[in-house]
């Protein structure tokens, strides 16, 4: 068994899986990738061999099992001293954690109606009002992040914005193809 295994679902559809995968690739953290196709017969049983929650992602290092994308990112940042996960500045770090937590657990209407699929081109459609409200909230978060946030956070930390907001970026042509093909080679924005 490899020293470090990241168990994920398909990177085209699982933004939760994509977050630690991107962080590890961006920071040249060696790992073996185990991809378990989701929502198929036997998927849950295969996942339970690695993950106590039966969900992806899960990081396996020896006997250690860390599930949940944010917990994995925190662990990796703490165990790799040369990698800055969060900004050093207290205010910027608090802002980054707030934005990351909101991205991690918020926006239920967007998650339900705009699931991640980097291969599909969706036809225009009418969205429920909750989706519009979610988009406004997301733009507010990103706008607030620009004044003290996303730009500052990207300069000072990779954990929060680059990995936590992977879902928001992944649908853009060139980036989507790079993610799909596993072609990210230390790029960051």
N, C-alpha and C. Protein backbone atom coordinates (compact mmCIF):
# COMPACT_ATOMS: atom_id res chain seq x y z
N UNK A 1 0.83 -1.18 0.00
CA UNK A 1 0.00 0.00 0.00
C UNK A 1 0.89 1.25 0.00
N UNK A 2 0.50 2.25 -0.78
CA UNK A 2 1.27 3.49 -0.88
C UNK A 2 1.25 4.23 0.46
N UNK A 3 2.24 5.10 0.65
CA UNK A 3 2.34 5.88 1.89
C UNK A 3 1.16 6.84 2.04
N UNK A 4 0.66 7.38 0.96
CA UNK A 4 -0.44 8.34 1.00
C UNK A 4 -1.39 8.04 -0.15
N UNK A 5 -2.64 7.82 0.18
CA UNK A 5 -3.66 7.51 -0.83
C UNK A 5 -4.77 8.53 -0.70
N UNK A 6 -5.17 9.10 -1.82
CA UNK A 6 -6.34 9.97 -1.86
C UNK A 6 -7.43 9.22 -2.60
N UNK A 7 -8.49 8.92 -1.90
CA UNK A 7 -9.63 8.21 -2.49
C UNK A 7 -10.65 9.26 -2.89
N UNK A 8 -10.99 9.25 -4.17
CA UNK A 8 -11.89 10.27 -4.70
C UNK A 8 -12.97 9.64 -5.57
N UNK A 9 -13.96 10.46 -5.90
CA UNK A 9 -14.90 10.13 -6.96
C UNK A 9 -14.34 10.72 -8.23
N UNK A 10 -15.09 10.73 -9.28
CA UNK A 10 -14.63 11.26 -10.55
C UNK A 10 -14.41 12.77 -10.45
N UNK A 11 -13.25 13.26 -10.90
CA UNK A 11 -12.93 14.70 -10.82
C UNK A 11 -13.85 15.54 -11.70
N UNK A 12 -14.52 14.94 -12.65
CA UNK A 12 -15.45 15.69 -13.50
C UNK A 12 -16.74 16.04 -12.78
N UNK A 13 -17.10 15.26 -11.77
CA UNK A 13 -18.40 15.41 -11.13
C UNK A 13 -18.32 15.67 -9.64
N UNK A 14 -17.23 15.39 -8.99
CA UNK A 14 -17.13 15.51 -7.54
C UNK A 14 -16.21 16.67 -7.15
N UNK A 15 -16.82 17.82 -6.90
CA UNK A 15 -16.03 18.98 -6.47
C UNK A 15 -15.38 18.72 -5.12
N UNK A 16 -16.02 17.92 -4.29
CA UNK A 16 -15.44 17.57 -2.99
C UNK A 16 -14.12 16.83 -3.19
N UNK A 17 -14.09 15.92 -4.14
CA UNK A 17 -12.87 15.17 -4.44
C UNK A 17 -11.81 16.06 -5.07
N UNK A 18 -12.25 16.98 -5.89
CA UNK A 18 -11.34 17.84 -6.63
C UNK A 18 -10.52 18.75 -5.71
N UNK A 19 -11.11 19.18 -4.61
CA UNK A 19 -10.43 20.14 -3.72
C UNK A 19 -9.10 19.62 -3.19
N UNK A 20 -9.06 18.49 -2.49
CA UNK A 20 -7.74 18.03 -2.01
C UNK A 20 -6.84 17.59 -3.15
N UNK A 21 -7.41 17.06 -4.23
CA UNK A 21 -6.62 16.65 -5.38
C UNK A 21 -5.86 17.85 -5.95
N UNK A 22 -6.56 18.98 -6.13
CA UNK A 22 -5.92 20.19 -6.65
C UNK A 22 -4.84 20.69 -5.68
N UNK A 23 -5.16 20.71 -4.40
CA UNK A 23 -4.20 21.19 -3.41
C UNK A 23 -2.93 20.35 -3.43
N UNK A 24 -3.08 19.04 -3.50
CA UNK A 24 -1.93 18.15 -3.50
C UNK A 24 -1.13 18.30 -4.79
N UNK A 25 -1.80 18.43 -5.91
CA UNK A 25 -1.09 18.64 -7.18
C UNK A 25 -0.36 19.98 -7.19
N UNK A 26 -1.05 21.05 -6.76
CA UNK A 26 -0.44 22.38 -6.76
C UNK A 26 0.79 22.44 -5.88
N UNK A 27 0.78 21.66 -4.81
CA UNK A 27 1.87 21.71 -3.84
C UNK A 27 2.83 20.53 -3.95
N UNK A 28 2.74 19.78 -5.03
CA UNK A 28 3.64 18.65 -5.30
C UNK A 28 3.71 17.68 -4.12
N UNK A 29 2.56 17.38 -3.53
CA UNK A 29 2.48 16.38 -2.47
C UNK A 29 2.20 15.04 -3.14
N UNK A 30 3.13 14.10 -2.99
CA UNK A 30 3.00 12.80 -3.65
C UNK A 30 1.84 12.01 -3.06
N UNK A 31 1.08 11.36 -3.93
CA UNK A 31 -0.01 10.50 -3.48
C UNK A 31 -0.40 9.53 -4.59
N UNK A 32 -1.00 8.44 -4.15
CA UNK A 32 -1.63 7.51 -5.09
C UNK A 32 -3.11 7.86 -5.12
N UNK A 33 -3.65 7.92 -6.31
CA UNK A 33 -5.07 8.25 -6.47
C UNK A 33 -5.87 6.96 -6.65
N UNK A 34 -6.92 6.82 -5.85
CA UNK A 34 -7.86 5.72 -6.02
C UNK A 34 -9.20 6.36 -6.34
N UNK A 35 -9.70 6.10 -7.53
CA UNK A 35 -10.97 6.67 -7.97
C UNK A 35 -12.04 5.59 -7.89
N UNK A 36 -13.08 5.87 -7.13
CA UNK A 36 -14.19 4.94 -7.01
C UNK A 36 -15.40 5.58 -7.68
N UNK A 37 -15.88 5.00 -8.77
CA UNK A 37 -17.07 5.55 -9.43
C UNK A 37 -18.24 5.59 -8.44
N UNK A 38 -18.90 6.73 -8.38
CA UNK A 38 -19.98 6.91 -7.43
C UNK A 38 -21.33 6.48 -8.02
N UNK A 39 -22.27 6.19 -7.14
CA UNK A 39 -23.65 5.88 -7.51
C UNK A 39 -23.76 4.65 -8.40
N UNK A 40 -22.89 3.68 -8.17
CA UNK A 40 -22.96 2.43 -8.91
C UNK A 40 -23.09 1.28 -7.91
N UNK A 41 -23.49 0.14 -8.40
CA UNK A 41 -23.59 -1.02 -7.52
C UNK A 41 -22.22 -1.30 -6.92
N UNK A 42 -22.16 -1.43 -5.61
CA UNK A 42 -20.92 -1.73 -4.93
C UNK A 42 -20.09 -0.52 -4.55
N UNK A 43 -20.49 0.68 -5.00
CA UNK A 43 -19.70 1.88 -4.69
C UNK A 43 -19.60 2.10 -3.18
N UNK A 44 -20.73 2.05 -2.49
CA UNK A 44 -20.73 2.32 -1.05
C UNK A 44 -19.85 1.33 -0.30
N UNK A 45 -19.91 0.08 -0.67
CA UNK A 45 -19.09 -0.94 -0.01
C UNK A 45 -17.60 -0.67 -0.24
N UNK A 46 -17.24 -0.30 -1.46
CA UNK A 46 -15.83 0.02 -1.76
C UNK A 46 -15.38 1.24 -0.97
N UNK A 47 -16.24 2.25 -0.88
CA UNK A 47 -15.90 3.45 -0.14
C UNK A 47 -15.71 3.16 1.35
N UNK A 48 -16.55 2.31 1.90
CA UNK A 48 -16.46 2.00 3.33
C UNK A 48 -15.16 1.28 3.69
N UNK A 49 -14.48 0.70 2.72
CA UNK A 49 -13.17 0.08 2.98
C UNK A 49 -12.13 1.15 3.33
N UNK A 50 -12.36 2.38 2.85
CA UNK A 50 -11.42 3.48 3.08
C UNK A 50 -11.97 4.52 4.05
N UNK A 51 -13.24 4.82 3.90
CA UNK A 51 -13.83 5.98 4.56
C UNK A 51 -14.89 5.59 5.59
N UNK A 52 -14.74 6.04 6.84
CA UNK A 52 -15.77 5.73 7.84
C UNK A 52 -17.13 6.32 7.49
N UNK A 53 -17.14 7.42 6.73
CA UNK A 53 -18.41 8.04 6.35
C UNK A 53 -19.01 7.40 5.10
N UNK A 54 -18.20 6.63 4.38
CA UNK A 54 -18.67 6.04 3.13
C UNK A 54 -18.77 7.07 2.02
N UNK A 55 -18.09 8.20 2.19
CA UNK A 55 -18.12 9.27 1.19
C UNK A 55 -16.71 9.63 0.78
N UNK A 56 -16.59 10.36 -0.33
CA UNK A 56 -15.31 10.88 -0.79
C UNK A 56 -15.28 12.37 -0.53
N UNK A 57 -14.08 12.90 -0.41
CA UNK A 57 -12.78 12.26 -0.47
C UNK A 57 -12.38 11.72 0.89
N UNK A 58 -11.36 10.88 0.88
CA UNK A 58 -10.73 10.41 2.11
C UNK A 58 -9.23 10.28 1.83
N UNK A 59 -8.44 10.75 2.77
CA UNK A 59 -6.99 10.64 2.69
C UNK A 59 -6.57 9.52 3.63
N UNK A 60 -5.79 8.59 3.11
CA UNK A 60 -5.31 7.46 3.90
C UNK A 60 -3.79 7.56 3.99
N UNK A 61 -3.28 7.60 5.23
CA UNK A 61 -1.84 7.55 5.48
C UNK A 61 -1.63 6.51 6.56
N UNK A 62 -1.20 5.33 6.15
CA UNK A 62 -1.06 4.23 7.10
C UNK A 62 -2.40 3.90 7.72
N UNK A 63 -2.48 3.99 9.04
CA UNK A 63 -3.73 3.71 9.75
C UNK A 63 -4.64 4.93 9.85
N UNK A 64 -4.12 6.09 9.47
CA UNK A 64 -4.89 7.33 9.58
C UNK A 64 -5.87 7.44 8.42
N UNK A 65 -7.10 7.80 8.75
CA UNK A 65 -8.14 8.06 7.76
C UNK A 65 -8.67 9.46 8.03
N UNK A 66 -8.59 10.33 7.03
CA UNK A 66 -9.11 11.69 7.19
C UNK A 66 -10.13 11.89 6.07
N UNK A 67 -11.35 12.09 6.46
CA UNK A 67 -12.41 12.30 5.48
C UNK A 67 -12.91 13.73 5.62
N UNK A 68 -13.50 14.23 4.59
CA UNK A 68 -13.98 15.59 4.44
C UNK A 68 -12.85 16.44 3.83
N UNK A 69 -13.19 17.12 2.76
CA UNK A 69 -12.18 17.86 2.01
C UNK A 69 -11.49 18.93 2.83
N UNK A 70 -12.23 19.66 3.64
CA UNK A 70 -11.59 20.72 4.43
C UNK A 70 -10.66 20.14 5.49
N UNK A 71 -11.07 19.05 6.14
CA UNK A 71 -10.20 18.40 7.13
C UNK A 71 -8.92 17.88 6.48
N UNK A 72 -9.03 17.36 5.27
CA UNK A 72 -7.85 16.88 4.53
C UNK A 72 -6.91 18.05 4.23
N UNK A 73 -7.46 19.16 3.75
CA UNK A 73 -6.64 20.34 3.43
C UNK A 73 -5.93 20.87 4.67
N UNK A 74 -6.65 20.95 5.77
CA UNK A 74 -6.04 21.41 7.03
C UNK A 74 -4.90 20.48 7.45
N UNK A 75 -5.14 19.19 7.40
CA UNK A 75 -4.13 18.20 7.79
C UNK A 75 -2.88 18.33 6.91
N UNK A 76 -3.08 18.42 5.61
CA UNK A 76 -1.94 18.52 4.70
C UNK A 76 -1.14 19.79 4.94
N UNK A 77 -1.82 20.90 5.18
CA UNK A 77 -1.12 22.16 5.46
C UNK A 77 -0.32 22.07 6.76
N UNK A 78 -0.88 21.38 7.75
CA UNK A 78 -0.19 21.24 9.04
C UNK A 78 0.99 20.28 8.98
N UNK A 79 0.89 19.26 8.14
CA UNK A 79 1.93 18.23 8.10
C UNK A 79 3.00 18.49 7.05
N UNK A 80 2.86 19.56 6.31
CA UNK A 80 3.85 19.96 5.30
C UNK A 80 4.25 21.41 5.59
N UNK A 81 5.22 21.60 6.50
CA UNK A 81 5.58 22.94 6.97
C UNK A 81 5.97 23.93 5.88
N UNK A 82 6.47 23.47 4.77
CA UNK A 82 6.87 24.37 3.70
C UNK A 82 5.70 24.91 2.91
N UNK A 83 4.52 24.40 3.16
CA UNK A 83 3.33 24.81 2.42
C UNK A 83 2.47 25.68 3.32
N UNK A 84 2.15 26.85 2.82
CA UNK A 84 1.24 27.71 3.57
C UNK A 84 -0.17 27.38 3.15
N UNK A 85 -0.96 26.93 4.09
CA UNK A 85 -2.36 26.67 3.78
C UNK A 85 -3.21 27.89 3.95
N UNK A 86 -3.06 28.55 5.07
CA UNK A 86 -3.82 29.76 5.38
C UNK A 86 -2.86 30.95 5.40
N UNK A 87 -3.39 32.16 5.19
CA UNK A 87 -2.55 33.35 5.30
C UNK A 87 -1.95 33.48 6.69
N UNK A 88 -0.79 34.06 6.80
CA UNK A 88 -0.14 34.27 8.10
C UNK A 88 -0.84 35.36 8.90
N UNK A 89 -1.34 36.38 8.22
CA UNK A 89 -2.01 37.49 8.88
C UNK A 89 -3.33 37.02 9.51
N UNK A 90 -3.56 37.40 10.77
CA UNK A 90 -4.74 36.95 11.51
C UNK A 90 -6.04 37.34 10.83
N UNK A 91 -6.17 38.58 10.39
CA UNK A 91 -7.40 39.05 9.75
C UNK A 91 -7.62 38.34 8.43
N UNK A 92 -6.59 38.25 7.61
CA UNK A 92 -6.70 37.56 6.32
C UNK A 92 -7.04 36.09 6.53
N UNK A 93 -6.45 35.47 7.56
CA UNK A 93 -6.73 34.06 7.85
C UNK A 93 -8.19 33.87 8.28
N UNK A 94 -8.69 34.77 9.13
CA UNK A 94 -10.09 34.68 9.55
C UNK A 94 -11.03 34.87 8.36
N UNK A 95 -10.69 35.81 7.48
CA UNK A 95 -11.50 36.03 6.27
C UNK A 95 -11.47 34.80 5.38
N UNK A 96 -10.29 34.22 5.21
CA UNK A 96 -10.15 33.02 4.38
C UNK A 96 -10.96 31.87 4.95
N UNK A 97 -10.89 31.68 6.26
CA UNK A 97 -11.64 30.59 6.89
C UNK A 97 -13.14 30.83 6.77
N UNK A 98 -13.58 32.05 6.91
CA UNK A 98 -15.00 32.36 6.76
C UNK A 98 -15.48 32.06 5.35
N UNK A 99 -14.72 32.53 4.36
CA UNK A 99 -15.09 32.29 2.96
C UNK A 99 -15.09 30.80 2.64
N UNK A 100 -14.07 30.12 3.12
CA UNK A 100 -13.97 28.68 2.85
C UNK A 100 -15.11 27.92 3.51
N UNK A 101 -15.43 28.27 4.76
CA UNK A 101 -16.53 27.60 5.45
C UNK A 101 -17.86 27.85 4.74
N UNK A 102 -18.06 29.07 4.28
CA UNK A 102 -19.30 29.38 3.56
C UNK A 102 -19.37 28.60 2.25
N UNK A 103 -18.26 28.54 1.53
CA UNK A 103 -18.24 27.74 0.29
C UNK A 103 -18.45 26.26 0.60
N UNK A 104 -17.90 25.81 1.71
CA UNK A 104 -17.92 24.39 2.07
C UNK A 104 -19.32 23.91 2.46
N UNK A 105 -20.07 24.77 3.16
CA UNK A 105 -21.36 24.29 3.68
C UNK A 105 -22.56 25.08 3.19
N UNK A 106 -22.32 26.14 2.47
CA UNK A 106 -23.43 26.99 2.04
C UNK A 106 -23.89 26.71 0.62
N UNK A 107 -24.74 27.59 0.16
CA UNK A 107 -25.25 27.58 -1.21
C UNK A 107 -25.99 26.29 -1.59
N UNK A 108 -26.95 25.84 -0.76
CA UNK A 108 -27.64 24.57 -1.06
C UNK A 108 -28.41 24.58 -2.38
N UNK A 109 -29.03 25.71 -2.72
CA UNK A 109 -29.79 25.76 -3.98
C UNK A 109 -28.86 25.63 -5.18
N UNK A 110 -27.67 26.25 -5.09
CA UNK A 110 -26.71 26.13 -6.19
C UNK A 110 -26.22 24.69 -6.31
N UNK A 111 -25.95 24.05 -5.19
CA UNK A 111 -25.48 22.65 -5.22
C UNK A 111 -26.53 21.73 -5.81
N UNK A 112 -27.79 21.98 -5.43
CA UNK A 112 -28.88 21.10 -5.90
C UNK A 112 -29.17 21.30 -7.39
N UNK A 113 -29.15 22.54 -7.84
CA UNK A 113 -29.55 22.84 -9.22
C UNK A 113 -28.40 22.97 -10.20
N UNK A 114 -27.21 23.21 -9.72
CA UNK A 114 -26.06 23.42 -10.60
C UNK A 114 -24.93 22.47 -10.23
N UNK A 115 -25.22 21.20 -10.29
CA UNK A 115 -24.19 20.23 -9.92
C UNK A 115 -23.01 20.32 -10.89
N UNK A 116 -21.87 19.87 -10.42
CA UNK A 116 -20.64 19.98 -11.21
C UNK A 116 -20.60 18.90 -12.29
N UNK A 117 -20.32 19.33 -13.49
CA UNK A 117 -20.09 18.41 -14.61
C UNK A 117 -19.26 19.19 -15.62
N UNK A 118 -17.95 19.00 -15.60
CA UNK A 118 -17.08 19.79 -16.47
C UNK A 118 -17.10 19.35 -17.92
N UNK A 119 -17.75 18.26 -18.21
CA UNK A 119 -17.80 17.78 -19.60
C UNK A 119 -19.06 18.20 -20.35
N UNK A 120 -20.10 18.55 -19.62
CA UNK A 120 -21.39 18.81 -20.25
C UNK A 120 -21.60 20.29 -20.50
N UNK A 121 -22.16 20.62 -21.64
CA UNK A 121 -22.60 21.97 -21.94
C UNK A 121 -24.10 21.98 -21.71
N UNK A 122 -24.54 22.81 -20.78
CA UNK A 122 -25.95 22.83 -20.41
C UNK A 122 -26.72 23.83 -21.27
N UNK A 123 -27.92 23.47 -21.65
CA UNK A 123 -28.79 24.37 -22.39
C UNK A 123 -29.31 25.44 -21.44
N UNK A 124 -29.55 26.65 -21.96
CA UNK A 124 -30.12 27.69 -21.10
C UNK A 124 -31.45 27.22 -20.53
N UNK A 125 -31.72 27.60 -19.29
CA UNK A 125 -32.99 27.23 -18.67
C UNK A 125 -33.36 28.25 -17.62
N UNK A 126 -34.57 28.13 -17.13
CA UNK A 126 -35.05 29.00 -16.08
C UNK A 126 -34.77 28.34 -14.74
N UNK A 127 -34.23 29.11 -13.82
CA UNK A 127 -33.84 28.58 -12.51
C UNK A 127 -34.81 29.03 -11.44
N UNK A 128 -34.96 28.20 -10.39
CA UNK A 128 -35.78 28.63 -9.25
C UNK A 128 -35.20 29.89 -8.62
N UNK A 129 -36.03 30.67 -7.93
CA UNK A 129 -35.61 31.91 -7.31
C UNK A 129 -34.45 31.70 -6.33
N UNK A 130 -34.42 30.54 -5.66
CA UNK A 130 -33.36 30.26 -4.70
C UNK A 130 -31.98 30.25 -5.37
N UNK A 131 -31.95 29.83 -6.64
CA UNK A 131 -30.68 29.80 -7.37
C UNK A 131 -30.20 31.23 -7.59
N UNK A 132 -31.11 32.10 -7.97
CA UNK A 132 -30.74 33.51 -8.14
C UNK A 132 -30.23 34.11 -6.84
N UNK A 133 -30.89 33.81 -5.74
CA UNK A 133 -30.45 34.31 -4.43
C UNK A 133 -29.08 33.74 -4.08
N UNK A 134 -28.85 32.49 -4.40
CA UNK A 134 -27.56 31.86 -4.15
C UNK A 134 -26.46 32.50 -4.97
N UNK A 135 -26.77 32.82 -6.23
CA UNK A 135 -25.78 33.48 -7.08
C UNK A 135 -25.41 34.85 -6.54
N UNK A 136 -26.44 35.60 -6.06
CA UNK A 136 -26.18 36.91 -5.47
C UNK A 136 -25.29 36.76 -4.24
N UNK A 137 -25.59 35.76 -3.40
CA UNK A 137 -24.79 35.53 -2.19
C UNK A 137 -23.36 35.15 -2.55
N UNK A 138 -23.20 34.33 -3.57
CA UNK A 138 -21.86 33.92 -4.00
C UNK A 138 -21.08 35.12 -4.54
N UNK A 139 -21.74 35.95 -5.35
CA UNK A 139 -21.07 37.16 -5.86
C UNK A 139 -20.71 38.10 -4.72
N UNK A 140 -21.58 38.19 -3.70
CA UNK A 140 -21.28 39.01 -2.52
C UNK A 140 -20.02 38.49 -1.84
N UNK A 141 -19.97 37.17 -1.64
CA UNK A 141 -18.81 36.55 -0.99
C UNK A 141 -17.54 36.83 -1.79
N UNK A 142 -17.60 36.61 -3.09
CA UNK A 142 -16.43 36.82 -3.92
C UNK A 142 -16.07 38.30 -4.01
N UNK A 143 -17.07 39.17 -4.07
CA UNK A 143 -16.82 40.60 -4.11
C UNK A 143 -16.19 41.08 -2.82
N UNK A 144 -16.71 40.63 -1.69
CA UNK A 144 -16.14 41.00 -0.39
C UNK A 144 -14.73 40.44 -0.28
N UNK A 145 -14.53 39.28 -0.86
CA UNK A 145 -13.20 38.67 -0.82
C UNK A 145 -12.21 39.48 -1.63
N UNK A 146 -12.67 40.16 -2.69
CA UNK A 146 -11.74 40.94 -3.50
C UNK A 146 -11.21 42.15 -2.74
N UNK A 147 -12.04 42.73 -1.89
CA UNK A 147 -11.57 43.92 -1.18
C UNK A 147 -10.62 43.55 -0.07
N UNK A 148 -10.76 42.37 0.50
CA UNK A 148 -9.81 41.95 1.50
C UNK A 148 -9.53 40.50 1.27
N UNK A 149 -10.09 39.97 0.21
CA UNK A 149 -10.27 38.58 0.09
C UNK A 149 -9.67 37.77 -1.00
N UNK A 150 -10.43 37.38 -2.02
CA UNK A 150 -9.96 36.36 -2.97
C UNK A 150 -8.59 36.70 -3.51
N UNK A 151 -8.38 37.94 -3.95
CA UNK A 151 -7.08 38.31 -4.48
C UNK A 151 -6.01 38.21 -3.39
N UNK A 152 -6.32 38.77 -2.22
CA UNK A 152 -5.39 38.70 -1.09
C UNK A 152 -5.15 37.25 -0.69
N UNK A 153 -6.21 36.48 -0.63
CA UNK A 153 -6.08 35.10 -0.19
C UNK A 153 -5.29 34.28 -1.20
N UNK A 154 -5.50 34.52 -2.48
CA UNK A 154 -4.74 33.77 -3.49
C UNK A 154 -3.26 34.08 -3.40
N UNK A 155 -2.94 35.33 -3.07
CA UNK A 155 -1.52 35.69 -2.94
C UNK A 155 -0.90 35.06 -1.70
N UNK A 156 -1.70 34.89 -0.65
CA UNK A 156 -1.14 34.49 0.64
C UNK A 156 -1.42 33.05 1.03
N UNK A 157 -2.30 32.40 0.39
CA UNK A 157 -2.61 31.02 0.78
C UNK A 157 -3.24 30.29 -0.39
N UNK A 158 -2.95 29.04 -0.49
CA UNK A 158 -3.56 28.22 -1.53
C UNK A 158 -4.74 27.44 -1.01
N UNK A 159 -4.80 27.18 0.27
CA UNK A 159 -5.80 26.28 0.81
C UNK A 159 -7.21 26.81 0.59
N UNK A 160 -7.51 27.98 1.06
CA UNK A 160 -8.88 28.45 1.10
C UNK A 160 -9.48 28.70 -0.27
N UNK A 161 -8.90 29.59 -1.01
CA UNK A 161 -9.56 30.00 -2.25
C UNK A 161 -9.26 29.05 -3.39
N UNK A 162 -8.00 28.73 -3.62
CA UNK A 162 -7.67 27.90 -4.77
C UNK A 162 -8.30 26.53 -4.69
N UNK A 163 -8.25 25.88 -3.55
CA UNK A 163 -8.83 24.54 -3.43
C UNK A 163 -10.30 24.61 -3.07
N UNK A 164 -10.66 25.48 -2.14
CA UNK A 164 -12.04 25.55 -1.67
C UNK A 164 -13.01 26.05 -2.72
N UNK A 165 -12.53 26.87 -3.64
CA UNK A 165 -13.42 27.40 -4.66
C UNK A 165 -13.20 26.71 -6.00
N UNK A 166 -12.63 25.53 -5.95
CA UNK A 166 -12.38 24.77 -7.18
C UNK A 166 -13.65 24.57 -7.97
N UNK A 167 -14.73 24.34 -7.30
CA UNK A 167 -16.00 24.10 -7.96
C UNK A 167 -16.40 25.29 -8.82
N UNK A 168 -16.18 26.49 -8.31
CA UNK A 168 -16.57 27.68 -9.04
C UNK A 168 -15.74 27.90 -10.29
N UNK A 169 -14.51 27.45 -10.30
CA UNK A 169 -13.61 27.64 -11.43
C UNK A 169 -13.69 26.54 -12.45
N UNK A 170 -14.03 25.36 -12.03
CA UNK A 170 -13.81 24.18 -12.85
C UNK A 170 -14.62 24.17 -14.13
N UNK A 171 -15.67 24.96 -14.22
CA UNK A 171 -16.49 24.92 -15.41
C UNK A 171 -15.97 25.77 -16.55
N UNK A 172 -14.83 26.37 -16.42
CA UNK A 172 -14.31 27.25 -17.46
C UNK A 172 -13.40 26.49 -18.40
N UNK A 173 -13.74 26.48 -19.67
CA UNK A 173 -13.04 25.78 -20.73
C UNK A 173 -11.68 25.19 -20.46
N UNK A 174 -10.63 26.01 -20.56
CA UNK A 174 -9.26 25.51 -20.46
C UNK A 174 -9.02 24.87 -19.10
N UNK A 175 -9.48 25.53 -18.00
CA UNK A 175 -9.29 24.97 -16.67
C UNK A 175 -10.03 23.65 -16.53
N UNK A 176 -11.24 23.59 -17.06
CA UNK A 176 -12.01 22.36 -16.95
C UNK A 176 -11.31 21.21 -17.65
N UNK A 177 -10.77 21.48 -18.84
CA UNK A 177 -10.07 20.43 -19.57
C UNK A 177 -8.82 20.00 -18.82
N UNK A 178 -8.11 20.96 -18.23
CA UNK A 178 -6.89 20.62 -17.48
C UNK A 178 -7.23 19.76 -16.28
N UNK A 179 -8.30 20.10 -15.58
CA UNK A 179 -8.72 19.31 -14.42
C UNK A 179 -9.13 17.92 -14.88
N UNK A 180 -9.95 17.87 -15.92
CA UNK A 180 -10.44 16.59 -16.41
C UNK A 180 -9.29 15.68 -16.81
N UNK A 181 -8.30 16.23 -17.47
CA UNK A 181 -7.21 15.42 -17.99
C UNK A 181 -6.07 15.25 -17.00
N UNK A 182 -6.22 15.85 -15.82
CA UNK A 182 -5.17 15.73 -14.81
C UNK A 182 -3.91 16.48 -15.20
N UNK A 183 -4.07 17.56 -15.97
CA UNK A 183 -2.91 18.23 -16.54
C UNK A 183 -2.42 19.42 -15.73
N UNK A 184 -2.99 19.65 -14.55
CA UNK A 184 -2.50 20.78 -13.76
C UNK A 184 -1.11 20.47 -13.26
N UNK A 185 -0.19 21.34 -13.55
CA UNK A 185 1.20 21.11 -13.16
C UNK A 185 1.70 22.33 -12.39
N UNK A 186 1.26 22.42 -11.13
CA UNK A 186 1.74 23.49 -10.28
C UNK A 186 1.21 24.86 -10.62
N UNK A 187 0.18 24.93 -11.46
CA UNK A 187 -0.38 26.24 -11.78
C UNK A 187 -1.21 26.74 -10.62
N UNK A 188 -1.16 28.01 -10.39
CA UNK A 188 -2.08 28.65 -9.46
C UNK A 188 -2.40 30.02 -10.00
N UNK A 189 -3.45 30.58 -9.49
CA UNK A 189 -3.84 31.92 -9.94
C UNK A 189 -3.68 32.86 -8.82
